[in-house]
Amino acid sequence: MGSGSDISYAGPSTSNGKPTPFAQVMVTLSKEAEIKLRSEANYWKSQHQQALARLAQREADHRLAMAQAAAREAALRSELEKAEGKLRDLQKRLFGRKSERRSRTEKDAASNDQKSARPRGQRPGVAGHGRRLESHLPAQVETIELDCPHCPECGLGYADFPGTEDSEILEIDVKPYRRVIRRRRYRRTCRCPGTPGILSAPPPARLIARGKYGVSIWVHLLLSKFSYGQPTHRLLRDWSDYDLTLSPGTLTGGLRALAPLFEPLEDALRCRLQSENRWHADETRWMVFAETEGKIGHRWYLWVFHSESVIHFVLDPTRSAQVPIAELSASQGGIVICDRYSGYKKLARILGTILLAFCWAHQRRDFIELANAHPELSEWALSWVERIGELYLLNDARLAVRADPVQWAARDDGLRQRVAQMANQREAERANPALKAPARKVLQSMQKHWSGLTVFVDHPEVPMDNNVAERDQRTPVVARKNFYGSGSPWSGALAATMFSLLMTMRLWGINPRTWLTAYLDACAANGSQPPADLSVFLPWAMDADLLAQRRRAAMDPADPIDSS
């Protein structure tokens, strides 16, 4: 023990100064034991510190994992809300009402059951308009007599009484027929030099050289397909019921032969369109079932440009901005009413002379779709729909008094104040941090396009929406649903041309059937070539008498263009 180290340790004492029981116990350790104890103490101290560090790291990792999990959950919840919103929107589109028109019950509830001052329908004691007399139609007079004009008792015959009891029955008679052409031949009776010995009357004009079908068949086919959206095979089945059997291939070949006849009219429409300064523009898909180099798939796009006097369709393989740029680059500039598609924005940026007026119907639709997709935001979204509706009413009220400068100034000022209030409301709600992301996105879009949405304020001639162009697309969309599209680029180009011509004629209040018949007759008379003078077939170039005559023949002369 003497060779070891003596270590004296004075243990702690209590608070009153008295030593603890072990304070007076002395322990003597060897140097080796001391080193071992100190080493073990340092080791366990180090282990403790490492354990604390691991615990701290695990706590930090746990906090990070919790934060990441919370972020993932928030992202997944957001995606779920978007997916559920999209599902609700798609379900409404598929199974819901296609129109936003409210039912009678909803209208009554909205108006607090207020009764109209004037009841609907025919009022008692007021003379009606009676049956419409179709006096412009040709009449086929039928005289009906008694089978036995004698007295049934005595057999004495009845005497004629002046006058008749007249009535009318409307009928329609559609029947194919053959034009049997017999060209008279003549023999020369003189001896004049250069005169043939036998002469024949000239042959009738044919629209297609050596063609079997007359103008009326091609007119019926073009109108059926491009004005009423009827598939060719269905038209042929209809004709077969009248004992007229035609080959689809023959009709297709005939349409291809007719296509060049409309090219001069197509060019005239485009020139007229470019001479004006306000256009509605829209585009929709149109299938062309032909392989095109550099293009995958069969989806093409049918663009429509509607000016004051022309409706012009353009078919293109792409939805590129180059289509409207090429269509309007020759113009002197103007205003394009359109949706918010980036192609129109590039059009305005490249040409520099185009002002875009964005469609309020699309902006309104954003709020409608938001209400459908997120029911919790429905009340908020529909409040904006009501504001947009009030804007329409104020603008309509302003336009109704354009001839009165005093009322115009007052209503114009009221409209401008309401537009400013909407802008302030939008910015106030965007500044609200509690506003949900879907609602904020709609308001940000409105703010981004605000200058285009308010073009109508300074330009009263500009409509608030692009519904005109969307209505123009109805005929092609019906055709697309019925016969899917076109089988080749040439037939697609013909479809665009015919849509343009027929709808432009309706825009002017001209009967497309009589106009198309007159034009194809002129082509036939000109040797299957377009006539040299197109002015008699272009509404804006016709003289007033011819235009009035063409309009009198129109079936649907509603709201024709005033050319006076």
Protein backbone atom coordinates (compact mmCIF):
# COMPACT_ATOMS: atom_id res chain seq x y z
CA MET A 1 0.00 0.00 0.00
CA GLY A 2 2.96 2.30 0.69
CA SER A 3 4.00 2.30 -2.93
CA GLY A 4 0.52 3.50 -4.06
CA SER A 5 -0.70 7.02 -4.17
CA ASP A 6 -2.61 8.29 -1.25
CA ILE A 7 -5.57 10.38 -2.27
CA SER A 8 -7.49 12.21 0.33
CA TYR A 9 -10.95 13.40 -0.55
CA ALA A 10 -12.98 15.68 1.62
CA GLY A 11 -16.60 15.01 0.84
CA PRO A 12 -19.27 17.63 0.89
CA SER A 13 -20.84 18.85 4.06
CA THR A 14 -24.47 19.67 4.75
CA SER A 15 -25.88 23.17 4.68
CA ASN A 16 -25.50 23.54 8.45
CA GLY A 17 -21.78 22.80 8.23
CA LYS A 18 -21.95 19.23 9.49
CA PRO A 19 -20.06 16.70 7.35
CA THR A 20 -21.94 13.98 5.47
CA PRO A 21 -21.45 10.37 6.54
CA PHE A 22 -18.94 9.58 3.79
CA ALA A 23 -17.11 12.86 4.05
CA GLN A 24 -14.69 11.45 6.59
CA VAL A 25 -14.08 8.18 4.78
CA MET A 26 -10.68 8.19 3.15
CA VAL A 27 -9.99 6.07 0.02
CA THR A 28 -6.52 5.29 -1.08
CA LEU A 29 -6.04 4.34 -4.78
CA SER A 30 -3.10 3.28 -6.76
CA LYS A 31 -1.98 5.45 -9.65
CA GLU A 32 -3.03 2.74 -12.04
CA ALA A 33 -6.54 2.67 -10.56
CA GLU A 34 -6.75 6.45 -10.70
CA ILE A 35 -5.80 6.48 -14.39
CA LYS A 36 -8.29 3.74 -15.09
CA LEU A 37 -11.10 5.55 -13.28
CA ARG A 38 -10.33 8.83 -14.96
CA SER A 39 -10.20 7.10 -18.36
CA GLU A 40 -13.52 5.42 -17.75
CA ALA A 41 -15.03 8.70 -16.54
CA ASN A 42 -13.82 10.51 -19.65
CA TYR A 43 -15.09 7.66 -21.85
CA TRP A 44 -18.57 7.68 -20.37
CA LYS A 45 -18.64 11.46 -20.41
CA SER A 46 -17.76 11.36 -24.10
CA GLN A 47 -20.41 8.69 -24.71
CA HIS A 48 -22.95 10.86 -22.93
CA GLN A 49 -22.05 13.89 -25.02
CA GLN A 50 -22.28 11.83 -28.21
CA ALA A 51 -25.66 10.49 -27.11
CA LEU A 52 -26.86 14.05 -26.49
CA ALA A 53 -25.57 15.08 -29.93
CA ARG A 54 -27.31 12.11 -31.56
CA LEU A 55 -30.50 12.96 -29.72
CA ALA A 56 -30.28 16.57 -30.85
CA GLN A 57 -29.62 15.46 -34.44
CA ARG A 58 -32.52 13.05 -34.35
CA GLU A 59 -34.77 15.75 -32.95
CA ALA A 60 -33.63 18.07 -35.75
CA ASP A 61 -34.18 15.32 -38.34
CA HIS A 62 -37.58 14.64 -36.85
CA ARG A 63 -38.53 18.30 -37.02
CA LEU A 64 -37.32 18.45 -40.64
CA ALA A 65 -39.23 15.26 -41.50
CA MET A 66 -42.35 16.64 -39.86
CA ALA A 67 -41.99 19.88 -41.80
CA GLN A 68 -41.46 17.98 -45.05
CA ALA A 69 -44.41 15.73 -44.28
CA ALA A 70 -46.57 18.76 -43.55
CA ALA A 71 -45.45 20.34 -46.82
CA ARG A 72 -46.18 17.12 -48.71
CA GLU A 73 -49.56 16.85 -47.06
CA ALA A 74 -50.36 20.45 -47.95
CA ALA A 75 -49.26 19.85 -51.55
CA LEU A 76 -51.28 16.63 -51.74
CA ARG A 77 -54.30 18.35 -50.24
CA SER A 78 -53.91 21.12 -52.81
CA GLU A 79 -53.65 18.57 -55.63
CA LEU A 80 -56.62 16.70 -54.21
CA GLU A 81 -58.67 19.88 -54.09
CA LYS A 82 -57.70 20.64 -57.69
CA ALA A 83 -58.55 17.09 -58.77
CA GLU A 84 -61.87 17.17 -56.92
CA GLY A 85 -62.59 20.58 -58.42
CA LYS A 86 -61.78 19.31 -61.90
CA LEU A 87 -63.93 16.24 -61.27
CA ARG A 88 -66.87 18.40 -60.18
CA ASP A 89 -66.40 20.60 -63.22
CA LEU A 90 -66.24 17.64 -65.61
CA GLN A 91 -69.26 16.00 -63.98
CA LYS A 92 -71.22 19.21 -64.38
CA ARG A 93 -70.17 19.49 -68.01
CA LEU A 94 -71.13 15.87 -68.65
CA PHE A 95 -74.30 15.54 -66.59
CA GLY A 96 -75.29 19.11 -65.73
CA ARG A 97 -77.33 21.60 -67.71
CA LYS A 98 -75.61 22.80 -70.86
CA SER A 99 -77.03 26.28 -70.54
CA GLU A 100 -76.74 28.86 -67.78
CA ARG A 101 -80.33 29.89 -68.38
CA ARG A 102 -82.23 29.76 -65.13
CA SER A 103 -85.48 27.91 -64.67
CA ARG A 104 -88.75 29.69 -64.04
CA THR A 105 -88.61 28.74 -60.36
CA GLU A 106 -85.12 30.16 -59.96
CA LYS A 107 -86.13 33.37 -61.70
CA ASP A 108 -89.12 33.74 -59.39
CA ALA A 109 -86.94 33.13 -56.34
CA ALA A 110 -84.36 35.64 -57.55
CA SER A 111 -87.01 38.30 -58.03
CA ASN A 112 -88.66 37.60 -54.65
CA ASP A 113 -91.77 36.29 -56.36
CA GLN A 114 -92.51 39.66 -57.93
CA LYS A 115 -95.23 39.37 -60.55
CA SER A 116 -94.74 40.96 -63.94
CA ALA A 117 -97.05 43.85 -64.69
CA ARG A 118 -97.95 42.19 -68.00
CA PRO A 119 -98.82 38.48 -68.02
CA ARG A 120 -97.26 36.22 -70.57
CA GLY A 121 -99.10 34.89 -73.59
CA GLN A 122 -102.05 36.08 -75.63
CA ARG A 123 -104.20 38.59 -73.77
CA PRO A 124 -108.00 38.20 -73.87
CA GLY A 125 -109.75 40.56 -76.26
CA VAL A 126 -106.65 41.32 -78.33
CA ALA A 127 -106.74 40.27 -81.97
CA GLY A 128 -104.04 37.81 -82.95
CA HIS A 129 -101.98 37.91 -86.09
CA GLY A 130 -103.69 34.85 -87.57
CA ARG A 131 -102.05 32.27 -89.74
CA ARG A 132 -99.11 33.35 -91.83
CA LEU A 133 -100.02 33.61 -95.50
CA GLU A 134 -97.26 32.17 -97.67
CA SER A 135 -98.43 34.18 -100.67
CA HIS A 136 -94.94 34.33 -102.17
CA LEU A 137 -95.00 30.60 -102.90
CA PRO A 138 -96.31 29.30 -106.23
CA ALA A 139 -99.87 28.03 -106.09
CA GLN A 140 -101.26 24.80 -107.46
CA VAL A 141 -105.01 25.33 -107.65
CA GLU A 142 -107.22 22.32 -106.99
CA THR A 143 -110.96 22.49 -107.58
CA ILE A 144 -113.04 20.03 -105.59
CA GLU A 145 -116.55 19.18 -106.73
CA LEU A 146 -119.26 17.01 -105.29
CA ASP A 147 -119.13 13.43 -106.45
CA CYS A 148 -122.87 13.45 -106.96
CA PRO A 149 -124.25 17.00 -107.32
CA HIS A 150 -127.89 15.89 -106.98
CA CYS A 151 -130.48 16.01 -104.24
CA PRO A 152 -130.46 12.69 -102.38
CA GLU A 153 -134.26 12.84 -101.99
CA CYS A 154 -135.59 13.73 -105.43
CA GLY A 155 -132.49 13.42 -107.57
CA LEU A 156 -132.78 16.95 -108.97
CA GLY A 157 -129.36 18.40 -109.78
CA TYR A 158 -127.81 21.29 -107.83
CA ALA A 159 -127.25 24.62 -109.54
CA ASP A 160 -123.87 26.38 -109.41
CA PHE A 161 -123.55 29.08 -106.74
CA PRO A 162 -121.21 32.05 -107.25
CA GLY A 163 -117.87 31.91 -105.43
CA THR A 164 -115.94 29.16 -103.71
CA GLU A 165 -114.92 28.28 -100.18
CA ASP A 166 -111.14 28.61 -100.24
CA SER A 167 -108.39 27.26 -97.98
CA GLU A 168 -104.73 26.43 -98.30
CA ILE A 169 -102.53 23.45 -97.50
CA LEU A 170 -98.77 23.82 -97.61
CA GLU A 171 -96.84 21.01 -99.28
CA ILE A 172 -93.26 20.45 -100.32
CA ASP A 173 -92.33 18.45 -103.40
CA VAL A 174 -88.76 17.21 -103.83
CA LYS A 175 -88.10 15.02 -106.82
CA PRO A 176 -85.15 14.33 -109.09
CA TYR A 177 -85.67 14.44 -112.81
CA ARG A 178 -83.74 13.99 -116.05
CA ARG A 179 -83.18 16.83 -118.44
CA VAL A 180 -83.39 15.13 -121.79
CA ILE A 181 -81.51 17.44 -124.16
CA ARG A 182 -82.58 17.21 -127.79
CA ARG A 183 -80.53 19.54 -129.93
CA ARG A 184 -82.28 20.33 -133.14
CA ARG A 185 -80.27 19.84 -136.33
CA TYR A 186 -80.53 21.98 -139.41
CA ARG A 187 -79.56 21.44 -143.03
CA ARG A 188 -78.15 24.27 -145.07
CA THR A 189 -80.44 25.47 -147.83
CA CYS A 190 -78.16 28.15 -149.19
CA ARG A 191 -74.84 27.99 -151.03
CA CYS A 192 -72.97 30.61 -148.96
CA PRO A 193 -69.29 29.72 -148.61
CA GLY A 194 -68.03 28.71 -145.17
CA THR A 195 -71.41 27.61 -143.92
CA PRO A 196 -71.54 23.99 -142.69
CA GLY A 197 -73.93 21.67 -144.39
CA ILE A 198 -75.53 20.48 -141.15
CA LEU A 199 -75.77 22.54 -137.98
CA SER A 200 -76.86 21.60 -134.45
CA ALA A 201 -78.10 23.81 -131.63
CA PRO A 202 -75.37 24.55 -129.07
CA PRO A 203 -75.10 22.15 -126.13
CA PRO A 204 -76.29 23.30 -122.70
CA ALA A 205 -73.75 24.79 -120.34
CA ARG A 206 -72.23 22.25 -117.97
CA LEU A 207 -70.59 23.03 -114.68
CA ILE A 208 -68.11 20.18 -115.11
CA ALA A 209 -67.01 19.32 -118.62
CA ARG A 210 -68.83 16.18 -119.82
CA GLY A 211 -70.35 16.00 -116.34
CA LYS A 212 -73.56 14.12 -115.75
CA TYR A 213 -74.87 16.14 -112.83
CA GLY A 214 -76.46 19.56 -113.11
CA VAL A 215 -76.01 22.67 -111.00
CA SER A 216 -78.94 21.87 -108.69
CA ILE A 217 -77.29 18.66 -107.47
CA TRP A 218 -74.05 20.45 -106.59
CA VAL A 219 -75.93 23.29 -104.90
CA HIS A 220 -77.91 20.80 -102.81
CA LEU A 221 -74.75 18.90 -101.90
CA LEU A 222 -72.73 21.99 -100.92
CA LEU A 223 -75.53 23.42 -98.80
CA SER A 224 -76.33 20.11 -97.15
CA LYS A 225 -72.73 19.52 -96.17
CA PHE A 226 -71.40 22.98 -95.37
CA SER A 227 -74.48 24.88 -94.27
CA TYR A 228 -76.45 22.17 -92.47
CA GLY A 229 -73.64 19.81 -91.43
CA GLN A 230 -75.10 16.69 -93.05
CA PRO A 231 -72.73 13.81 -93.88
CA THR A 232 -72.52 12.91 -97.55
CA HIS A 233 -73.59 9.29 -97.02
CA ARG A 234 -76.72 10.45 -95.20
CA LEU A 235 -77.60 12.80 -98.04
CA LEU A 236 -77.12 9.97 -100.52
CA ARG A 237 -79.45 7.75 -98.48
CA ASP A 238 -82.01 10.54 -98.52
CA TRP A 239 -81.71 10.85 -102.29
CA SER A 240 -81.98 7.09 -102.71
CA ASP A 241 -85.44 7.32 -101.15
CA TYR A 242 -86.36 9.45 -104.17
CA ASP A 243 -84.92 6.80 -106.54
CA LEU A 244 -81.78 8.84 -107.18
CA THR A 245 -78.65 6.73 -106.71
CA LEU A 246 -75.29 8.49 -106.85
CA SER A 247 -71.77 7.28 -106.20
CA PRO A 248 -69.90 8.85 -103.25
CA GLY A 249 -66.66 8.70 -105.21
CA THR A 250 -68.18 10.58 -108.12
CA LEU A 251 -69.41 13.34 -105.81
CA THR A 252 -66.00 13.58 -104.15
CA GLY A 253 -64.32 13.92 -107.52
CA GLY A 254 -66.86 16.54 -108.53
CA LEU A 255 -66.24 18.59 -105.38
CA ARG A 256 -62.52 18.54 -106.09
CA ALA A 257 -63.21 19.82 -109.61
CA LEU A 258 -65.44 22.59 -108.24
CA ALA A 259 -62.98 23.80 -105.58
CA PRO A 260 -60.97 26.11 -107.93
CA LEU A 261 -64.17 27.92 -108.94
CA PHE A 262 -64.42 29.46 -105.47
CA GLU A 263 -60.81 30.64 -105.18
CA PRO A 264 -61.46 34.14 -106.63
CA LEU A 265 -64.30 34.63 -104.15
CA GLU A 266 -62.02 33.45 -101.33
CA ASP A 267 -59.43 36.06 -102.32
CA ALA A 268 -62.11 38.75 -102.49
CA LEU A 269 -63.32 37.89 -98.98
CA ARG A 270 -59.80 38.13 -97.60
CA CYS A 271 -59.15 41.49 -99.27
CA ARG A 272 -62.42 42.86 -97.92
CA LEU A 273 -61.61 41.57 -94.44
CA GLN A 274 -58.19 43.25 -94.49
CA SER A 275 -59.71 46.56 -95.55
CA GLU A 276 -61.71 46.81 -92.31
CA ASN A 277 -60.50 47.65 -88.83
CA ARG A 278 -62.43 45.53 -86.34
CA TRP A 279 -62.46 41.75 -86.17
CA HIS A 280 -63.70 38.95 -83.97
CA ALA A 281 -61.29 36.00 -83.95
CA ASP A 282 -61.52 32.46 -82.63
CA GLU A 283 -60.25 28.99 -83.44
CA THR A 284 -61.42 25.41 -82.98
CA ARG A 285 -60.10 22.00 -83.90
CA TRP A 286 -60.84 20.43 -87.28
CA MET A 287 -59.68 16.94 -88.17
CA VAL A 288 -57.95 16.31 -91.50
CA PHE A 289 -57.42 12.58 -91.94
CA ALA A 290 -54.33 12.72 -94.12
CA GLU A 291 -50.66 12.28 -93.39
CA THR A 292 -48.84 15.61 -93.45
CA GLU A 293 -45.07 15.85 -93.54
CA GLY A 294 -43.68 17.18 -90.28
CA LYS A 295 -47.00 16.82 -88.42
CA ILE A 296 -48.01 14.14 -85.96
CA GLY A 297 -51.69 13.34 -85.76
CA HIS A 298 -54.70 14.65 -87.66
CA ARG A 299 -55.71 17.66 -85.56
CA TRP A 300 -55.80 20.86 -87.59
CA TYR A 301 -57.33 24.17 -86.55
CA LEU A 302 -60.15 26.13 -88.14
CA TRP A 303 -59.76 29.86 -87.51
CA VAL A 304 -62.56 32.37 -88.01
CA PHE A 305 -62.20 36.12 -88.53
CA HIS A 306 -65.44 38.09 -88.46
CA SER A 307 -65.37 41.70 -89.62
CA GLU A 308 -68.29 44.03 -90.18
CA SER A 309 -69.09 42.61 -93.61
CA VAL A 310 -67.15 39.33 -93.94
CA ILE A 311 -66.87 36.01 -92.13
CA HIS A 312 -63.66 34.32 -93.21
CA PHE A 313 -62.45 30.87 -92.16
CA VAL A 314 -58.84 29.69 -92.44
CA LEU A 315 -57.77 26.05 -92.04
CA ASP A 316 -54.20 25.48 -90.87
CA PRO A 317 -52.27 22.49 -89.50
CA THR A 318 -51.19 24.50 -86.46
CA ARG A 319 -52.53 26.82 -83.82
CA SER A 320 -49.59 29.12 -84.42
CA ALA A 321 -49.77 32.91 -84.17
CA GLN A 322 -48.57 32.98 -87.78
CA VAL A 323 -52.15 32.29 -88.90
CA PRO A 324 -53.71 35.54 -87.59
CA ILE A 325 -50.50 37.41 -88.46
CA ALA A 326 -50.77 36.28 -92.09
CA GLU A 327 -54.49 37.03 -92.13
CA LEU A 328 -54.23 40.60 -90.82
CA SER A 329 -50.71 41.69 -91.77
CA ALA A 330 -51.99 43.53 -94.87
CA SER A 331 -54.52 45.53 -92.85
CA GLN A 332 -53.99 49.07 -91.61
CA GLY A 333 -54.49 47.97 -88.02
CA GLY A 334 -57.50 47.89 -85.77
CA ILE A 335 -59.08 46.07 -82.85
CA VAL A 336 -59.26 42.29 -82.49
CA ILE A 337 -61.91 40.95 -80.09
CA CYS A 338 -60.63 37.59 -78.87
CA ASP A 339 -59.96 35.31 -75.93
CA ARG A 340 -56.70 35.31 -73.96
CA TYR A 341 -54.85 32.79 -76.15
CA SER A 342 -51.17 33.70 -76.43
CA GLY A 343 -51.29 33.58 -80.24
CA TYR A 344 -53.35 36.78 -80.31
CA LYS A 345 -50.95 38.44 -77.89
CA LYS A 346 -48.09 37.63 -80.25
CA LEU A 347 -50.17 39.02 -83.12
CA ALA A 348 -50.46 42.38 -81.35
CA ARG A 349 -46.79 42.34 -80.39
CA ILE A 350 -45.50 41.53 -83.89
CA LEU A 351 -47.75 43.79 -85.96
CA GLY A 352 -47.81 46.68 -83.51
CA THR A 353 -50.99 48.14 -85.04
CA ILE A 354 -53.43 45.72 -83.39
CA LEU A 355 -55.25 46.43 -80.14
CA LEU A 356 -56.64 43.39 -78.33
CA ALA A 357 -60.05 43.55 -76.67
CA PHE A 358 -60.39 40.55 -74.40
CA CYS A 359 -63.67 38.74 -73.94
CA TRP A 360 -65.66 39.32 -70.74
CA ALA A 361 -67.58 36.07 -71.33
CA HIS A 362 -64.32 34.16 -70.85
CA GLN A 363 -63.52 36.14 -67.71
CA ARG A 364 -67.01 35.45 -66.40
CA ARG A 365 -66.55 31.77 -67.23
CA ASP A 366 -63.48 31.68 -64.98
CA PHE A 367 -65.65 32.59 -62.00
CA ILE A 368 -68.38 30.12 -63.02
CA GLU A 369 -65.84 27.30 -63.28
CA LEU A 370 -64.30 28.34 -59.96
CA ALA A 371 -67.73 28.13 -58.30
CA ASN A 372 -68.31 24.68 -59.79
CA ALA A 373 -64.88 23.36 -58.86
CA HIS A 374 -64.71 24.85 -55.36
CA PRO A 375 -68.14 25.03 -53.72
CA GLU A 376 -66.69 26.77 -50.67
CA LEU A 377 -65.79 29.69 -52.97
CA SER A 378 -69.13 29.64 -54.78
CA GLU A 379 -70.62 32.65 -53.02
CA TRP A 380 -67.47 34.70 -53.58
CA ALA A 381 -67.24 33.72 -57.27
CA LEU A 382 -70.92 34.36 -57.99
CA SER A 383 -70.63 37.83 -56.46
CA TRP A 384 -68.10 38.60 -59.19
CA VAL A 385 -70.44 37.12 -61.78
CA GLU A 386 -73.10 39.56 -60.59
CA ARG A 387 -70.64 42.45 -60.90
CA ILE A 388 -69.86 41.46 -64.48
CA GLY A 389 -73.59 41.24 -65.24
CA GLU A 390 -74.07 44.76 -63.89
CA LEU A 391 -71.25 45.91 -66.16
CA TYR A 392 -73.08 44.46 -69.17
CA LEU A 393 -76.28 46.25 -68.15
CA LEU A 394 -74.51 49.58 -67.73
CA ASN A 395 -72.83 49.27 -71.12
CA ASP A 396 -76.10 48.32 -72.82
CA ALA A 397 -77.80 51.30 -71.19
CA ARG A 398 -74.99 53.54 -72.45
CA LEU A 399 -75.23 52.24 -76.01
CA ALA A 400 -79.01 52.74 -76.03
CA VAL A 401 -78.60 56.55 -75.81
CA ARG A 402 -75.72 57.12 -78.23
CA ALA A 403 -77.85 59.64 -80.12
CA ASP A 404 -78.43 61.74 -76.98
CA PRO A 405 -75.20 63.50 -75.86
CA VAL A 406 -76.57 64.49 -72.45
CA GLN A 407 -77.75 61.02 -71.44
CA TRP A 408 -74.68 59.49 -73.04
CA ALA A 409 -72.34 61.56 -70.87
CA ALA A 410 -74.18 60.61 -67.69
CA ARG A 411 -74.33 56.90 -68.45
CA ASP A 412 -70.77 56.82 -69.74
CA ASP A 413 -69.59 58.37 -66.47
CA GLY A 414 -71.57 55.79 -64.48
CA LEU A 415 -69.97 52.97 -66.45
CA ARG A 416 -66.47 54.32 -65.90
CA GLN A 417 -67.08 54.64 -62.17
CA ARG A 418 -68.25 51.04 -61.98
CA VAL A 419 -65.16 49.86 -63.89
CA ALA A 420 -62.95 51.75 -61.42
CA GLN A 421 -64.84 50.21 -58.48
CA MET A 422 -64.27 46.73 -59.90
CA ALA A 423 -60.54 47.42 -60.23
CA ASN A 424 -60.37 48.66 -56.62
CA GLN A 425 -62.33 45.64 -55.38
CA ARG A 426 -60.00 43.32 -57.26
CA GLU A 427 -56.86 44.85 -55.78
CA ALA A 428 -58.32 44.90 -52.26
CA GLU A 429 -59.12 41.20 -52.45
CA ARG A 430 -55.74 40.35 -53.95
CA ALA A 431 -54.10 42.08 -50.98
CA ASN A 432 -56.03 39.88 -48.54
CA PRO A 433 -53.62 37.14 -47.32
CA ALA A 434 -56.57 34.91 -46.41
CA LEU A 435 -57.73 34.70 -50.03
CA LYS A 436 -57.47 31.12 -51.26
CA ALA A 437 -55.11 30.26 -54.09
CA PRO A 438 -57.76 29.34 -56.73
CA ALA A 439 -59.56 32.64 -56.20
CA ARG A 440 -56.30 34.57 -56.23
CA LYS A 441 -55.36 32.94 -59.54
CA VAL A 442 -58.58 34.15 -61.19
CA LEU A 443 -58.07 37.70 -59.92
CA GLN A 444 -54.46 37.70 -61.08
CA SER A 445 -55.61 36.72 -64.56
CA MET A 446 -58.15 39.55 -64.51
CA GLN A 447 -55.48 42.03 -63.42
CA LYS A 448 -53.08 40.80 -66.11
CA HIS A 449 -55.66 41.28 -68.88
CA TRP A 450 -57.41 44.35 -67.46
CA SER A 451 -56.28 46.76 -70.20
CA GLY A 452 -57.75 44.45 -72.86
CA LEU A 453 -60.92 43.83 -70.86
CA THR A 454 -61.64 47.57 -70.66
CA VAL A 455 -61.10 48.48 -74.33
CA PHE A 456 -64.88 48.72 -74.75
CA VAL A 457 -65.00 51.66 -72.34
CA ASP A 458 -63.11 54.00 -74.69
CA HIS A 459 -64.34 52.24 -77.84
CA PRO A 460 -68.12 51.86 -77.53
CA GLU A 461 -68.30 50.17 -80.94
CA VAL A 462 -66.38 47.21 -79.51
CA PRO A 463 -68.57 44.48 -77.93
CA MET A 464 -67.74 43.30 -74.43
CA ASP A 465 -67.40 39.67 -75.49
CA ASN A 466 -66.38 37.47 -78.39
CA ASN A 467 -69.67 35.60 -78.63
CA VAL A 468 -70.02 36.62 -82.28
CA ALA A 469 -67.00 34.50 -83.30
CA GLU A 470 -68.08 31.64 -81.06
CA ARG A 471 -71.51 31.61 -82.72
CA ASP A 472 -69.77 31.56 -86.11
CA GLN A 473 -68.09 28.32 -85.07
CA ARG A 474 -71.40 26.56 -84.44
CA THR A 475 -71.87 25.43 -88.04
CA PRO A 476 -68.36 23.91 -88.32
CA VAL A 477 -68.74 22.29 -84.90
CA VAL A 478 -72.04 20.67 -85.93
CA ALA A 479 -70.37 19.47 -89.13
CA ARG A 480 -67.42 18.14 -87.14
CA LYS A 481 -69.72 16.17 -84.86
CA ASN A 482 -71.58 14.70 -87.84
CA PHE A 483 -68.78 13.83 -90.27
CA TYR A 484 -65.67 14.31 -88.10
CA GLY A 485 -63.75 16.60 -90.46
CA SER A 486 -62.09 16.29 -93.85
CA GLY A 487 -60.34 13.43 -95.59
CA SER A 488 -57.63 15.49 -97.28
CA PRO A 489 -56.12 19.00 -97.24
CA TRP A 490 -57.98 20.05 -100.42
CA SER A 491 -61.35 19.04 -98.97
CA GLY A 492 -60.51 20.84 -95.73
CA ALA A 493 -59.67 23.99 -97.68
CA LEU A 494 -62.96 23.66 -99.59
CA ALA A 495 -64.83 23.33 -96.28
CA ALA A 496 -63.23 26.53 -94.95
CA THR A 497 -64.07 28.37 -98.19
CA MET A 498 -67.69 27.22 -98.22
CA PHE A 499 -68.16 28.08 -94.55
CA SER A 500 -66.84 31.55 -95.35
CA LEU A 501 -69.02 32.16 -98.41
CA LEU A 502 -72.28 30.73 -97.11
CA MET A 503 -72.06 32.42 -93.71
CA THR A 504 -71.08 35.75 -95.28
CA MET A 505 -74.19 35.57 -97.46
CA ARG A 506 -76.33 34.93 -94.40
CA LEU A 507 -74.61 37.84 -92.67
CA TRP A 508 -75.87 40.08 -95.48
CA GLY A 509 -79.36 38.54 -95.42
CA ILE A 510 -78.91 36.81 -98.77
CA ASN A 511 -80.39 33.38 -99.47
CA PRO A 512 -77.34 31.10 -99.88
CA ARG A 513 -79.25 28.72 -102.16
CA THR A 514 -80.25 31.32 -104.73
CA TRP A 515 -76.82 32.98 -104.54
CA LEU A 516 -74.93 29.71 -104.98
CA THR A 517 -77.19 28.66 -107.85
CA ALA A 518 -76.60 31.96 -109.63
CA TYR A 519 -72.84 31.74 -109.16
CA LEU A 520 -72.51 28.15 -110.38
CA ASP A 521 -74.77 28.93 -113.35
CA ALA A 522 -72.41 31.78 -114.22
CA CYS A 523 -69.42 29.44 -113.93
CA ALA A 524 -71.11 26.92 -116.21
CA ALA A 525 -71.93 29.63 -118.75
CA ASN A 526 -68.27 30.72 -118.68
CA GLY A 527 -66.95 27.33 -119.70
CA SER A 528 -66.49 25.85 -116.20
CA GLN A 529 -64.44 28.88 -115.16
CA PRO A 530 -65.14 31.62 -112.59
CA PRO A 531 -66.97 34.58 -114.15
CA ALA A 532 -64.86 37.60 -115.03
CA ASP A 533 -67.12 40.01 -113.14
CA LEU A 534 -67.43 39.01 -109.50
CA SER A 535 -69.11 42.22 -108.37
CA VAL A 536 -72.59 40.78 -108.91
CA PHE A 537 -71.76 38.01 -106.42
CA LEU A 538 -70.08 40.08 -103.68
CA PRO A 539 -72.67 41.74 -101.41
CA TRP A 540 -70.62 44.87 -100.76
CA ALA A 541 -70.00 45.34 -104.51
CA MET A 542 -73.56 44.69 -105.74
CA ASP A 543 -75.74 47.57 -106.82
CA ALA A 544 -78.61 48.37 -104.48
CA ASP A 545 -81.32 46.86 -106.70
CA LEU A 546 -79.55 43.52 -107.06
CA LEU A 547 -78.82 43.39 -103.33
CA ALA A 548 -82.46 44.11 -102.53
CA GLN A 549 -83.53 41.39 -104.97
CA ARG A 550 -81.18 38.85 -103.41
CA ARG A 551 -82.41 39.80 -99.96
CA ARG A 552 -86.04 39.40 -100.95
CA ALA A 553 -85.22 35.82 -101.86
CA ALA A 554 -83.62 35.19 -98.48
CA MET A 555 -85.15 32.62 -96.16
CA ASP A 556 -83.63 34.16 -93.04
CA PRO A 557 -83.16 37.92 -93.54
CA ALA A 558 -82.81 38.68 -89.83
CA ASP A 559 -80.62 41.69 -89.08
CA PRO A 560 -78.95 42.06 -92.48
CA ILE A 561 -76.10 44.52 -92.91
CA ASP A 562 -77.24 48.05 -93.70
CA SER A 563 -75.39 48.91 -96.91
CA SER A 564 -77.02 52.29 -97.43
